C-alpha atoms as a PDB file:
ATOM      1  CA  MET A   1     -48.159-151.297  -7.717  1.00  0.00           C
ATOM      2  CA  LEU A   2     -51.380-149.775  -9.064  1.00  0.00           C
ATOM      3  CA  VAL A   3     -53.076-147.436  -6.606  1.00  0.00           C
ATOM      4  CA  SER A   4     -56.283-145.508  -7.061  1.00  0.00           C
ATOM      5  CA  MET A   5     -55.608-141.846  -6.306  1.00  0.00           C
ATOM      6  CA  SER A   6     -58.445-139.969  -4.629  1.00  0.00           C
ATOM      7  CA  ASN A   7     -56.927-136.522  -5.133  1.00  0.00           C
ATOM      8  CA  ARG A   8     -56.184-134.894  -8.475  1.00  0.00           C
ATOM      9  CA  PHE A   9     -52.608-133.817  -7.798  1.00  0.00           C
ATOM     10  CA  PHE A  10     -49.468-135.830  -8.428  1.00  0.00           C
ATOM     11  CA  SER A  11     -46.004-134.706  -7.421  1.00  0.00           C
ATOM     12  CA  GLY A  12     -44.006-137.378  -9.220  1.00  0.00           C
ATOM     13  CA  ASP A  13     -41.940-137.605 -12.370  1.00  0.00           C
ATOM     14  CA  VAL A  14     -44.237-138.957 -15.098  1.00  0.00           C
ATOM     15  CA  VAL A  15     -47.957-139.313 -15.765  1.00  0.00           C
ATOM     16  CA  VAL A  16     -48.881-142.030 -18.272  1.00  0.00           C
ATOM     17  CA  SER A  17     -52.194-141.583 -20.044  1.00  0.00           C
ATOM     18  CA  GLY A  18     -53.801-144.968 -20.651  1.00  0.00           C
ATOM     19  CA  GLY A  19     -53.653-148.176 -18.653  1.00  0.00           C
ATOM     20  CA  GLY A  20     -53.629-150.554 -21.608  1.00  0.00           C
ATOM     21  CA  LEU A  21     -50.777-152.830 -22.607  1.00  0.00           C
ATOM     22  CA  ALA A  22     -48.511-150.046 -23.908  1.00  0.00           C
ATOM     23  CA  GLY A  23     -49.225-147.619 -21.065  1.00  0.00           C
ATOM     24  CA  LEU A  24     -48.700-150.196 -18.316  1.00  0.00           C
ATOM     25  CA  THR A  25     -45.492-151.462 -19.943  1.00  0.00           C
ATOM     26  CA  LEU A  26     -44.146-147.927 -20.198  1.00  0.00           C
ATOM     27  CA  ALA A  27     -45.098-147.218 -16.584  1.00  0.00           C
ATOM     28  CA  LEU A  28     -43.351-150.395 -15.413  1.00  0.00           C
ATOM     29  CA  ALA A  29     -40.176-149.559 -17.354  1.00  0.00           C
ATOM     30  CA  LEU A  30     -40.118-146.000 -15.976  1.00  0.00           C
ATOM     31  CA  HIS A  31     -40.727-147.254 -12.428  1.00  0.00           C
ATOM     32  CA  ARG A  32     -37.884-149.766 -12.751  1.00  0.00           C
ATOM     33  CA  ALA A  33     -35.670-146.901 -13.937  1.00  0.00           C
ATOM     34  CA  GLY A  34     -36.348-145.133 -10.638  1.00  0.00           C
ATOM     35  CA  LEU A  35     -39.043-142.675 -11.677  1.00  0.00           C
ATOM     36  CA  SER A  36     -42.271-142.033  -9.802  1.00  0.00           C
ATOM     37  CA  VAL A  37     -45.156-142.837 -12.157  1.00  0.00           C
ATOM     38  CA  ALA A  38     -48.918-142.286 -12.111  1.00  0.00           C
ATOM     39  CA  ILE A  39     -51.256-143.984 -14.590  1.00  0.00           C
ATOM     40  CA  ILE A  40     -54.471-142.279 -15.669  1.00  0.00           C
ATOM     41  CA  ASP A  41     -57.105-144.419 -17.346  1.00  0.00           C
ATOM     42  CA  ALA A  42     -60.771-143.930 -18.172  1.00  0.00           C
ATOM     43  CA  MET A  43     -61.650-147.241 -16.496  1.00  0.00           C
ATOM     44  CA  ALA A  44     -61.642-147.248 -12.703  1.00  0.00           C
ATOM     45  CA  LEU A  45     -59.081-149.524 -11.050  1.00  0.00           C
ATOM     46  CA  ASP A  46     -61.835-151.412  -9.203  1.00  0.00           C
ATOM     47  CA  ALA A  47     -63.564-152.223 -12.508  1.00  0.00           C
ATOM     48  CA  ARG A  48     -60.308-153.341 -14.178  1.00  0.00           C
ATOM     49  CA  THR A  49     -59.439-155.755 -11.361  1.00  0.00           C
ATOM     50  CA  ALA A  50     -62.988-157.067 -10.794  1.00  0.00           C
ATOM     51  CA  PRO A  51     -63.550-160.794 -11.448  1.00  0.00           C
ATOM     52  CA  ALA A  52     -66.194-159.915 -14.068  1.00  0.00           C
ATOM     53  CA  PHE A  53     -63.723-157.878 -16.167  1.00  0.00           C
ATOM     54  CA  ASP A  54     -63.640-159.170 -19.746  1.00  0.00           C
ATOM     55  CA  GLY A  55     -59.954-160.174 -19.632  1.00  0.00           C
ATOM     56  CA  ARG A  56     -58.957-158.700 -22.985  1.00  0.00           C
ATOM     57  CA  ALA A  57     -56.565-160.695 -25.126  1.00  0.00           C
ATOM     58  CA  SER A  58     -53.661-159.451 -27.207  1.00  0.00           C
ATOM     59  CA  ALA A  59     -51.402-160.920 -29.830  1.00  0.00           C
ATOM     60  CA  LEU A  60     -47.801-159.758 -29.533  1.00  0.00           C
ATOM     61  CA  ALA A  61     -45.036-159.711 -32.075  1.00  0.00           C
ATOM     62  CA  TYR A  62     -41.684-161.188 -31.059  1.00  0.00           C
ATOM     63  CA  THR A  63     -40.146-157.751 -30.432  1.00  0.00           C
ATOM     64  CA  SER A  64     -43.030-156.789 -28.145  1.00  0.00           C
ATOM     65  CA  TRP A  65     -42.491-159.994 -26.170  1.00  0.00           C
ATOM     66  CA  ARG A  66     -38.776-159.166 -25.843  1.00  0.00           C
ATOM     67  CA  MET A  67     -39.736-155.728 -24.519  1.00  0.00           C
ATOM     68  CA  LEU A  68     -41.919-157.396 -21.866  1.00  0.00           C
ATOM     69  CA  GLU A  69     -38.950-159.632 -20.990  1.00  0.00           C
ATOM     70  CA  ALA A  70     -36.746-156.552 -20.595  1.00  0.00           C
ATOM     71  CA  VAL A  71     -39.100-154.941 -18.068  1.00  0.00           C
ATOM     72  CA  GLY A  72     -39.642-158.200 -16.159  1.00  0.00           C
ATOM     73  CA  ALA A  73     -43.297-158.755 -17.096  1.00  0.00           C
ATOM     74  CA  ALA A  74     -42.897-161.715 -19.469  1.00  0.00           C
ATOM     75  CA  ALA A  75     -42.211-164.212 -16.677  1.00  0.00           C
ATOM     76  CA  HIS A  76     -45.588-163.365 -15.124  1.00  0.00           C
ATOM     77  CA  LEU A  77     -47.398-163.602 -18.463  1.00  0.00           C
ATOM     78  CA  GLU A  78     -45.780-166.736 -19.880  1.00  0.00           C
ATOM     79  CA  PRO A  79     -47.919-169.250 -17.909  1.00  0.00           C
ATOM     80  CA  HIS A  80     -50.986-167.645 -19.537  1.00  0.00           C
ATOM     81  CA  ALA A  81     -49.533-167.199 -23.040  1.00  0.00           C
ATOM     82  CA  GLN A  82     -49.363-169.395 -26.097  1.00  0.00           C
ATOM     83  CA  ARG A  83     -47.359-168.956 -29.265  1.00  0.00           C
ATOM     84  CA  ILE A  84     -49.257-168.527 -32.534  1.00  0.00           C
ATOM     85  CA  GLU A  85     -47.580-170.309 -35.423  1.00  0.00           C
ATOM     86  CA  ASP A  86     -49.752-168.926 -38.217  1.00  0.00           C
ATOM     87  CA  ILE A  87     -52.782-166.666 -38.670  1.00  0.00           C
ATOM     88  CA  GLY A  88     -54.789-166.971 -41.877  1.00  0.00           C
ATOM     89  CA  GLY A  89     -55.845-163.861 -43.732  1.00  0.00           C
ATOM     90  CA  GLY A  90     -59.277-165.138 -44.760  1.00  0.00           C
ATOM     91  CA  PHE A  91     -62.454-165.000 -42.755  1.00  0.00           C
ATOM     92  CA  PRO A  92     -64.511-168.186 -42.919  1.00  0.00           C
ATOM     93  CA  ALA A  93     -68.312-168.196 -42.833  1.00  0.00           C
ATOM     94  CA  HIS A  94     -68.444-168.054 -39.034  1.00  0.00           C
ATOM     95  CA  GLY A  95     -66.610-164.708 -39.079  1.00  0.00           C
ATOM     96  CA  ARG A  96     -63.351-165.594 -37.329  1.00  0.00           C
ATOM     97  CA  ALA A  97     -59.824-165.731 -38.651  1.00  0.00           C
ATOM     98  CA  GLN A  98     -58.197-169.145 -38.736  1.00  0.00           C
ATOM     99  CA  ALA A  99     -55.179-169.635 -36.499  1.00  0.00           C
ATOM    100  CA  ARG A 100     -52.827-172.545 -35.883  1.00  0.00           C
ATOM    101  CA  TRP A 101     -51.620-172.697 -32.279  1.00  0.00           C
ATOM    102  CA  ALA A 102     -48.263-174.107 -31.276  1.00  0.00           C
ATOM    103  CA  GLY A 103     -49.803-176.346 -28.598  1.00  0.00           C
ATOM    104  CA  THR A 104     -51.580-176.147 -25.288  1.00  0.00           C
ATOM    105  CA  ARG A 105     -48.510-175.165 -23.273  1.00  0.00           C
ATOM    106  CA  PRO A 106     -46.732-171.850 -23.838  1.00  0.00           C
ATOM    107  CA  ALA A 107     -43.763-172.233 -26.143  1.00  0.00           C
ATOM    108  CA  ALA A 108     -40.585-170.182 -25.918  1.00  0.00           C
ATOM    109  CA  PHE A 109     -41.079-166.912 -27.712  1.00  0.00           C
END
């Protein structure tokens, strides 16, 4: 559970610097291993969970997906994920890379 801490002292086991994908995954794994974890991030928790937040997207390699499975996060992400079959290296005139998606429903990773 993410909690905004009003004081500046933490008497737990680990402090993770950065609440991005890697930091949150590490914090979850440490928590599941029985450690007390605090996450410090430059963005306030209220801003990150606000409906207007930009909802950043990430592309994950297969091993990264397996790591998310190991910490129990993949099941929560899978309804919102989609497998990428191929990403082109060229940038067309409109400035975006070409990608071929596996379909509209998430495929097994």
